[in-house]
Each structure stands twice: as structure tokens, then as C-alpha cells.
Amino acid sequence: MAFDFKKEYKEFYLPPRKPGIIAVPPMNYIAVRGAGNPNEEQSEYQDSIGLLYGIAFTIKMSYKGSHKINGYYEYVVPPLEGFWWQEAGKLGVDYASKDTFQFLSVIRLPEFVTPQELDWAIAEATNKKQRDFSKVQWMTINEGLCVQCMHLGPYDAEPATIEAMHAYARQNGFEPDPSNSRLHHEIYLSDPRRTVNSKLKTVIRHPIRPI
């Protein structure tokens, strides 16, 4: 049976709807940077999704070709994730001003994928798909101590969930700890093309520190 990160690491991908505190270890990702309104057609964000999945599935399906990755095991491609900001060092985003969004769109990598294997996957995908994958980069992200929650509903309704997360953190002796490297984080468990807004499931995670 293929390894499924969501099932094996439920504490990171399937939290309850009530906020909780969690220590997140360093994880490796493929990542694409961009800016602008993610809802616009042919936006940088929409383009980033195609780039990430193109590389993710090149790696996943590598076992069927001649290139063999040391330590490879069959797995389910982890969910799409996004780090979002508008002003450097400030946590959260203004949903009424999507044109000013900046983002880091990511998909988690299994531990057997090295930077060298990513280089191979980029070259392989570029050759097979005749598309420029040069924006895709390797990234290790260490989030550390965070407050997180499962948000159910539209993305624009996230502020209420975030307010509850921050209130819970303060009640437990913590405060938000934003920086240029510790950002508003979303993990998308639903496909918005196939799911009504009221049933969208999104993990929201914010960095915190002791007060």
C-alpha cells in the first residue's frame, strides 16, 4: 500500500476544528514563488500549481522508468500547501486586497528526494512536457512552534478561524511570532474545483512563541 503522509502524520494534516499547539519539524518541499491574485485565470499562482504537480508526479512515477532513486518507496503525493503574506514580517493577509498577495506554493517531498534528484526531475519534466520548470526550487522549511486548526468553509472566511487560533494561543501563554521566514500557512485538503465553498477543508497554521 502506498505511503500516505496525511494518514501517517495526522497531527500535521488532519487537526481538529478546535485550535491546538504543535511543534512542526523541518520538512523538505518543492516550491514556487509568486505574487498576485490567486483567483485570476492564468495567474502566477495557477501557474505554480501546474509546475509543482508536474515535478511531483515526475518523481512519484520515476520507478516506472530507467532512473532509479535510492530509497524510493511508493507514496501518495502530499497535498498542495501555501505560505502567504503581503508585508514582510507581518502575519496574515488582507483578503480584500488579493492583488497584493505574495506566496510560496509548495508540496512536501519524501525524505529520499535529494536536491540532486530534484535536478533530475526538473530536467526530465522539461524534456517530456516541453515546459519551463526552472521556477521550481528545493526548500527546507522549519516552522517550529505553531498554533493550528482545521478551517471548514470558504477561504475568505478564514479570519474568524485565525482570531480563534490567536485567542487560544494567548490563553495558553503564547503569542503570534511572524517574521520573513515564519508565515501564514495553509494546507489544502479539498479541491476547490470539485468542492462547494462551505465544505472546503484547509489546515491553517501560524507561528507562535511563549509570551
C-alpha atoms as a PDB file:
ATOM      1  CA  MET A   1       0.000   0.000   0.000  1.00  0.00           C
ATOM      2  CA  ALA A   2       1.330   3.456  -0.936  1.00  0.00           C
ATOM      3  CA  PHE A   3       2.580   5.607   1.940  1.00  0.00           C
ATOM      4  CA  ASP A   4       0.137   8.445   2.637  1.00  0.00           C
ATOM      5  CA  PHE A   5       1.554  11.409   4.570  1.00  0.00           C
ATOM      6  CA  LYS A   6      -1.932  12.605   5.555  1.00  0.00           C
ATOM      7  CA  LYS A   7      -2.731   9.299   7.238  1.00  0.00           C
ATOM      8  CA  GLU A   8       0.695   8.683   8.758  1.00  0.00           C
ATOM      9  CA  TYR A   9       1.094  12.211  10.142  1.00  0.00           C
ATOM     10  CA  LYS A  10      -2.438  13.139  11.120  1.00  0.00           C
ATOM     11  CA  GLU A  11      -1.156  15.677  13.648  1.00  0.00           C
ATOM     12  CA  PHE A  12       0.096  17.826  10.745  1.00  0.00           C
ATOM     13  CA  TYR A  13      -2.613  17.249   8.152  1.00  0.00           C
ATOM     14  CA  LEU A  14      -5.831  16.349   9.978  1.00  0.00           C
ATOM     15  CA  PRO A  15      -6.085  18.532  13.101  1.00  0.00           C
ATOM     16  CA  PRO A  16      -9.435  19.098  14.821  1.00  0.00           C
ATOM     17  CA  ARG A  17     -11.527  22.212  14.224  1.00  0.00           C
ATOM     18  CA  LYS A  18     -10.523  23.466  17.666  1.00  0.00           C
ATOM     19  CA  PRO A  19      -7.099  25.185  17.780  1.00  0.00           C
ATOM     20  CA  GLY A  20      -4.097  23.342  19.147  1.00  0.00           C
ATOM     21  CA  ILE A  21      -0.377  23.904  19.745  1.00  0.00           C
ATOM     22  CA  ILE A  22       2.095  21.822  17.764  1.00  0.00           C
ATOM     23  CA  ALA A  23       5.851  21.651  17.176  1.00  0.00           C
ATOM     24  CA  VAL A  24       6.485  21.199  13.460  1.00  0.00           C
ATOM     25  CA  PRO A  25       9.841  19.644  12.481  1.00  0.00           C
ATOM     26  CA  PRO A  26      11.843  20.685   9.402  1.00  0.00           C
ATOM     27  CA  MET A  27      10.368  19.344   6.153  1.00  0.00           C
ATOM     28  CA  ASN A  28      11.615  19.370   2.571  1.00  0.00           C
ATOM     29  CA  TYR A  29       9.489  20.804  -0.220  1.00  0.00           C
ATOM     30  CA  ILE A  30       9.417  21.693  -3.862  1.00  0.00           C
ATOM     31  CA  ALA A  31       8.466  25.369  -4.015  1.00  0.00           C
ATOM     32  CA  VAL A  32       7.498  28.125  -6.442  1.00  0.00           C
ATOM     33  CA  ARG A  33       7.408  31.818  -5.520  1.00  0.00           C
ATOM     34  CA  GLY A  34       4.961  34.312  -6.961  1.00  0.00           C
ATOM     35  CA  ALA A  35       2.605  37.228  -6.401  1.00  0.00           C
ATOM     36  CA  GLY A  36      -0.837  38.499  -7.322  1.00  0.00           C
ATOM     37  CA  ASN A  37      -4.481  37.490  -7.024  1.00  0.00           C
ATOM     38  CA  PRO A  38      -4.617  33.668  -6.886  1.00  0.00           C
ATOM     39  CA  ASN A  39      -8.185  33.618  -8.218  1.00  0.00           C
ATOM     40  CA  GLU A  40      -7.381  35.191 -11.569  1.00  0.00           C
ATOM     41  CA  GLU A  41      -7.107  32.931 -14.593  1.00  0.00           C
ATOM     42  CA  GLN A  42      -3.525  32.419 -15.809  1.00  0.00           C
ATOM     43  CA  SER A  43      -2.227  33.965 -12.583  1.00  0.00           C
ATOM     44  CA  GLU A  44       1.229  33.222 -11.225  1.00  0.00           C
ATOM     45  CA  TYR A  45      -0.442  31.144  -8.530  1.00  0.00           C
ATOM     46  CA  GLN A  46      -2.366  28.992 -11.004  1.00  0.00           C
ATOM     47  CA  ASP A  47       0.856  28.522 -12.969  1.00  0.00           C
ATOM     48  CA  SER A  48       2.731  27.497  -9.816  1.00  0.00           C
ATOM     49  CA  ILE A  49       0.292  24.635  -9.197  1.00  0.00           C
ATOM     50  CA  GLY A  50       0.951  23.166 -12.632  1.00  0.00           C
ATOM     51  CA  LEU A  51       4.697  23.449 -12.138  1.00  0.00           C
ATOM     52  CA  LEU A  52       4.627  21.771  -8.721  1.00  0.00           C
ATOM     53  CA  TYR A  53       2.433  18.865  -9.751  1.00  0.00           C
ATOM     54  CA  GLY A  54       4.449  18.353 -12.916  1.00  0.00           C
ATOM     55  CA  ILE A  55       7.563  17.782 -10.807  1.00  0.00           C
ATOM     56  CA  ALA A  56       5.764  15.915  -8.003  1.00  0.00           C
ATOM     57  CA  PHE A  57       4.381  13.302 -10.387  1.00  0.00           C
ATOM     58  CA  THR A  58       7.666  13.016 -12.290  1.00  0.00           C
ATOM     59  CA  ILE A  59       9.270  11.966  -9.000  1.00  0.00           C
ATOM     60  CA  LYS A  60       6.357   9.746  -7.959  1.00  0.00           C
ATOM     61  CA  MET A  61       6.323   7.847 -11.258  1.00  0.00           C
ATOM     62  CA  SER A  62      10.121   7.609 -11.594  1.00  0.00           C
ATOM     63  CA  TYR A  63      10.111   3.946 -10.561  1.00  0.00           C
ATOM     64  CA  LYS A  64       8.454   3.070 -13.882  1.00  0.00           C
ATOM     65  CA  GLY A  65      11.381   4.416 -15.896  1.00  0.00           C
ATOM     66  CA  SER A  66      15.093   3.764 -16.153  1.00  0.00           C
ATOM     67  CA  HIS A  67      16.066   6.325 -13.483  1.00  0.00           C
ATOM     68  CA  LYS A  68      16.065   4.706 -10.055  1.00  0.00           C
ATOM     69  CA  ILE A  69      16.029   6.842  -6.895  1.00  0.00           C
ATOM     70  CA  ASN A  70      17.883   5.368  -3.930  1.00  0.00           C
ATOM     71  CA  GLY A  71      15.471   4.547  -1.099  1.00  0.00           C
ATOM     72  CA  TYR A  72      12.368   5.114  -3.235  1.00  0.00           C
ATOM     73  CA  TYR A  73       9.015   3.803  -1.969  1.00  0.00           C
ATOM     74  CA  GLU A  74       5.553   4.208  -3.445  1.00  0.00           C
ATOM     75  CA  TYR A  75       3.617   7.080  -1.925  1.00  0.00           C
ATOM     76  CA  VAL A  76       0.628   9.370  -2.362  1.00  0.00           C
ATOM     77  CA  VAL A  77       1.641  12.872  -3.464  1.00  0.00           C
ATOM     78  CA  PRO A  78       1.106  15.091  -0.384  1.00  0.00           C
ATOM     79  CA  PRO A  79      -1.430  17.934  -0.539  1.00  0.00           C
ATOM     80  CA  LEU A  80      -0.741  21.350  -2.001  1.00  0.00           C
ATOM     81  CA  GLU A  81       0.300  23.952   0.591  1.00  0.00           C
ATOM     82  CA  GLY A  82       0.819  27.683   0.546  1.00  0.00           C
ATOM     83  CA  PHE A  83       2.643  30.320   2.591  1.00  0.00           C
ATOM     84  CA  TRP A  84       1.077  33.771   2.157  1.00  0.00           C
ATOM     85  CA  TRP A  85       1.989  37.352   3.080  1.00  0.00           C
ATOM     86  CA  GLN A  86       1.561  40.949   1.957  1.00  0.00           C
ATOM     87  CA  GLU A  87       4.037  42.882   4.065  1.00  0.00           C
ATOM     88  CA  ALA A  88       7.372  41.492   5.166  1.00  0.00           C
ATOM     89  CA  GLY A  89       7.351  40.382   8.782  1.00  0.00           C
ATOM     90  CA  LYS A  90       3.567  40.714   9.213  1.00  0.00           C
ATOM     91  CA  LEU A  91       1.380  37.685   9.839  1.00  0.00           C
ATOM     92  CA  GLY A  92      -1.871  37.087   7.978  1.00  0.00           C
ATOM     93  CA  VAL A  93      -3.295  38.595   4.810  1.00  0.00           C
ATOM     94  CA  ASP A  94      -5.936  41.139   3.854  1.00  0.00           C
ATOM     95  CA  TYR A  95      -8.466  39.126   1.857  1.00  0.00           C
ATOM     96  CA  ALA A  96      -9.932  42.306   0.370  1.00  0.00           C
ATOM     97  CA  SER A  97      -6.611  43.132  -1.332  1.00  0.00           C
ATOM     98  CA  LYS A  98      -5.699  39.915  -3.132  1.00  0.00           C
ATOM     99  CA  ASP A  99      -3.727  41.754  -5.828  1.00  0.00           C
ATOM    100  CA  THR A 100      -1.011  42.429  -3.239  1.00  0.00           C
ATOM    101  CA  PHE A 101      -0.650  38.787  -2.151  1.00  0.00           C
ATOM    102  CA  GLN A 102       2.771  37.187  -2.221  1.00  0.00           C
ATOM    103  CA  PHE A 103       3.067  33.450  -1.915  1.00  0.00           C
ATOM    104  CA  LEU A 104       5.267  30.434  -1.673  1.00  0.00           C
ATOM    105  CA  SER A 105       3.403  27.474  -3.175  1.00  0.00           C
ATOM    106  CA  VAL A 106       4.780  24.100  -2.005  1.00  0.00           C
ATOM    107  CA  ILE A 107       4.369  20.320  -1.999  1.00  0.00           C
ATOM    108  CA  ARG A 108       6.150  18.192   0.574  1.00  0.00           C
ATOM    109  CA  LEU A 109       8.856  15.791  -0.589  1.00  0.00           C
ATOM    110  CA  PRO A 110       9.548  12.287   0.737  1.00  0.00           C
ATOM    111  CA  GLU A 111      12.854  12.088   2.578  1.00  0.00           C
ATOM    112  CA  PHE A 112      14.518  10.046  -0.187  1.00  0.00           C
ATOM    113  CA  VAL A 113      14.356  13.005  -2.592  1.00  0.00           C
ATOM    114  CA  THR A 114      17.664  14.908  -2.588  1.00  0.00           C
ATOM    115  CA  PRO A 115      18.454  18.212  -4.325  1.00  0.00           C
ATOM    116  CA  GLN A 116      20.240  16.167  -6.997  1.00  0.00           C
ATOM    117  CA  GLU A 117      17.129  14.061  -7.607  1.00  0.00           C
ATOM    118  CA  LEU A 118      15.095  17.250  -7.911  1.00  0.00           C
ATOM    119  CA  ASP A 119      17.534  18.479 -10.556  1.00  0.00           C
ATOM    120  CA  TRP A 120      16.930  15.226 -12.440  1.00  0.00           C
ATOM    121  CA  ALA A 121      13.135  15.599 -12.133  1.00  0.00           C
ATOM    122  CA  ILE A 122      13.225  19.180 -13.436  1.00  0.00           C
ATOM    123  CA  ALA A 123      15.303  18.122 -16.446  1.00  0.00           C
ATOM    124  CA  GLU A 124      13.075  15.099 -17.065  1.00  0.00           C
ATOM    125  CA  ALA A 125       9.826  17.081 -16.843  1.00  0.00           C
ATOM    126  CA  THR A 126      11.219  19.864 -19.016  1.00  0.00           C
ATOM    127  CA  ASN A 127      12.157  17.372 -21.718  1.00  0.00           C
ATOM    128  CA  LYS A 128       8.928  15.355 -21.603  1.00  0.00           C
ATOM    129  CA  LYS A 129       6.436  18.183 -21.167  1.00  0.00           C
ATOM    130  CA  GLN A 130       8.296  20.839 -23.174  1.00  0.00           C
ATOM    131  CA  ARG A 131       7.674  23.366 -20.416  1.00  0.00           C
ATOM    132  CA  ASP A 132       9.966  25.599 -18.362  1.00  0.00           C
ATOM    133  CA  PHE A 133      10.223  24.240 -14.817  1.00  0.00           C
ATOM    134  CA  SER A 134      13.126  26.481 -13.768  1.00  0.00           C
ATOM    135  CA  LYS A 135      10.989  28.284 -11.160  1.00  0.00           C
ATOM    136  CA  VAL A 136      10.737  25.114  -9.088  1.00  0.00           C
ATOM    137  CA  GLN A 137      13.226  25.065  -6.222  1.00  0.00           C
ATOM    138  CA  TRP A 138      14.229  22.857  -3.314  1.00  0.00           C
ATOM    139  CA  MET A 139      13.395  24.266   0.105  1.00  0.00           C
ATOM    140  CA  THR A 140      13.661  23.088   3.701  1.00  0.00           C
ATOM    141  CA  ILE A 141      11.184  24.856   5.993  1.00  0.00           C
ATOM    142  CA  ASN A 142      11.401  24.709   9.778  1.00  0.00           C
ATOM    143  CA  GLU A 143       8.168  26.106  11.216  1.00  0.00           C
ATOM    144  CA  GLY A 144       8.829  25.183  14.823  1.00  0.00           C
ATOM    145  CA  LEU A 145       6.189  26.017  17.410  1.00  0.00           C
ATOM    146  CA  CYS A 146       2.789  26.843  15.898  1.00  0.00           C
ATOM    147  CA  VAL A 147      -0.918  27.101  16.581  1.00  0.00           C
ATOM    148  CA  GLN A 148      -3.065  25.338  14.011  1.00  0.00           C
ATOM    149  CA  CYS A 149      -6.678  24.491  13.272  1.00  0.00           C
ATOM    150  CA  MET A 150      -8.854  22.858  10.620  1.00  0.00           C
ATOM    151  CA  HIS A 151     -10.845  25.570   8.837  1.00  0.00           C
ATOM    152  CA  LEU A 152     -14.100  24.450   7.255  1.00  0.00           C
ATOM    153  CA  GLY A 153     -15.586  26.796   4.668  1.00  0.00           C
ATOM    154  CA  PRO A 154     -14.540  29.486   2.181  1.00  0.00           C
ATOM    155  CA  TYR A 155     -11.030  30.875   2.180  1.00  0.00           C
ATOM    156  CA  ASP A 156     -12.390  34.402   2.678  1.00  0.00           C
ATOM    157  CA  ALA A 157     -13.948  33.267   5.978  1.00  0.00           C
ATOM    158  CA  GLU A 158     -10.558  32.322   7.447  1.00  0.00           C
ATOM    159  CA  PRO A 159     -10.133  35.487   9.600  1.00  0.00           C
ATOM    160  CA  ALA A 160     -12.649  34.207  12.182  1.00  0.00           C
ATOM    161  CA  THR A 161     -10.727  30.931  12.496  1.00  0.00           C
ATOM    162  CA  ILE A 162      -7.446  32.813  12.767  1.00  0.00           C
ATOM    163  CA  GLU A 163      -8.847  35.052  15.512  1.00  0.00           C
ATOM    164  CA  ALA A 164      -9.877  31.935  17.460  1.00  0.00           C
ATOM    165  CA  MET A 165      -6.393  30.459  16.968  1.00  0.00           C
ATOM    166  CA  HIS A 166      -4.677  33.573  18.293  1.00  0.00           C
ATOM    167  CA  ALA A 167      -7.063  33.769  21.260  1.00  0.00           C
ATOM    168  CA  TYR A 168      -6.338  30.130  22.104  1.00  0.00           C
ATOM    169  CA  ALA A 169      -2.600  30.718  21.851  1.00  0.00           C
ATOM    170  CA  ARG A 170      -2.734  33.703  24.235  1.00  0.00           C
ATOM    171  CA  GLN A 171      -4.878  31.761  26.696  1.00  0.00           C
ATOM    172  CA  ASN A 172      -2.114  29.170  26.786  1.00  0.00           C
ATOM    173  CA  GLY A 173       0.796  31.570  27.203  1.00  0.00           C
ATOM    174  CA  PHE A 174       1.799  32.161  23.590  1.00  0.00           C
ATOM    175  CA  GLU A 175       1.629  34.995  21.070  1.00  0.00           C
ATOM    176  CA  PRO A 176       1.951  35.202  17.267  1.00  0.00           C
ATOM    177  CA  ASP A 177       5.566  35.238  16.102  1.00  0.00           C
ATOM    178  CA  PRO A 178       5.645  36.424  12.483  1.00  0.00           C
ATOM    179  CA  SER A 179       8.831  37.066  10.524  1.00  0.00           C
ATOM    180  CA  ASN A 180      10.059  36.921   6.957  1.00  0.00           C
ATOM    181  CA  SER A 181      10.561  33.178   7.398  1.00  0.00           C
ATOM    182  CA  ARG A 182       7.580  32.373   9.656  1.00  0.00           C
ATOM    183  CA  LEU A 183       4.431  32.955   7.660  1.00  0.00           C
ATOM    184  CA  HIS A 184       0.699  32.357   7.391  1.00  0.00           C
ATOM    185  CA  HIS A 185       0.483  28.716   6.249  1.00  0.00           C
ATOM    186  CA  GLU A 186      -2.387  26.872   4.578  1.00  0.00           C
ATOM    187  CA  ILE A 187      -2.673  23.182   3.645  1.00  0.00           C
ATOM    188  CA  TYR A 188      -5.381  22.423   1.088  1.00  0.00           C
ATOM    189  CA  LEU A 189      -7.212  19.165   1.709  1.00  0.00           C
ATOM    190  CA  SER A 190     -10.036  19.891  -0.764  1.00  0.00           C
ATOM    191  CA  ASP A 191     -10.056  20.581  -4.487  1.00  0.00           C
ATOM    192  CA  PRO A 192     -11.970  23.886  -4.911  1.00  0.00           C
ATOM    193  CA  ARG A 193     -12.915  22.835  -8.455  1.00  0.00           C
ATOM    194  CA  ARG A 194     -14.887  19.874  -7.084  1.00  0.00           C
ATOM    195  CA  THR A 195     -15.924  21.026  -3.601  1.00  0.00           C
ATOM    196  CA  VAL A 196     -18.546  23.593  -2.640  1.00  0.00           C
ATOM    197  CA  ASN A 197     -17.123  26.513  -0.654  1.00  0.00           C
ATOM    198  CA  SER A 198     -18.948  25.591   2.540  1.00  0.00           C
ATOM    199  CA  LYS A 199     -17.196  22.199   2.658  1.00  0.00           C
ATOM    200  CA  LEU A 200     -13.632  23.225   1.816  1.00  0.00           C
ATOM    201  CA  LYS A 201     -11.133  21.832   4.342  1.00  0.00           C
ATOM    202  CA  THR A 202      -7.988  23.885   4.952  1.00  0.00           C
ATOM    203  CA  VAL A 203      -5.392  23.482   7.688  1.00  0.00           C
ATOM    204  CA  ILE A 204      -4.306  26.922   8.907  1.00  0.00           C
ATOM    205  CA  ARG A 205      -1.042  27.255  10.828  1.00  0.00           C
ATOM    206  CA  HIS A 206       0.594  30.302  12.427  1.00  0.00           C
ATOM    207  CA  PRO A 207       3.962  30.611  14.195  1.00  0.00           C
ATOM    208  CA  ILE A 208       3.920  31.399  17.903  1.00  0.00           C
ATOM    209  CA  ARG A 209       6.318  31.959  20.813  1.00  0.00           C
ATOM    210  CA  PRO A 210       5.962  31.991  24.605  1.00  0.00           C
ATOM    211  CA  ILE A 211       4.770  35.314  25.996  1.00  0.00           C
END
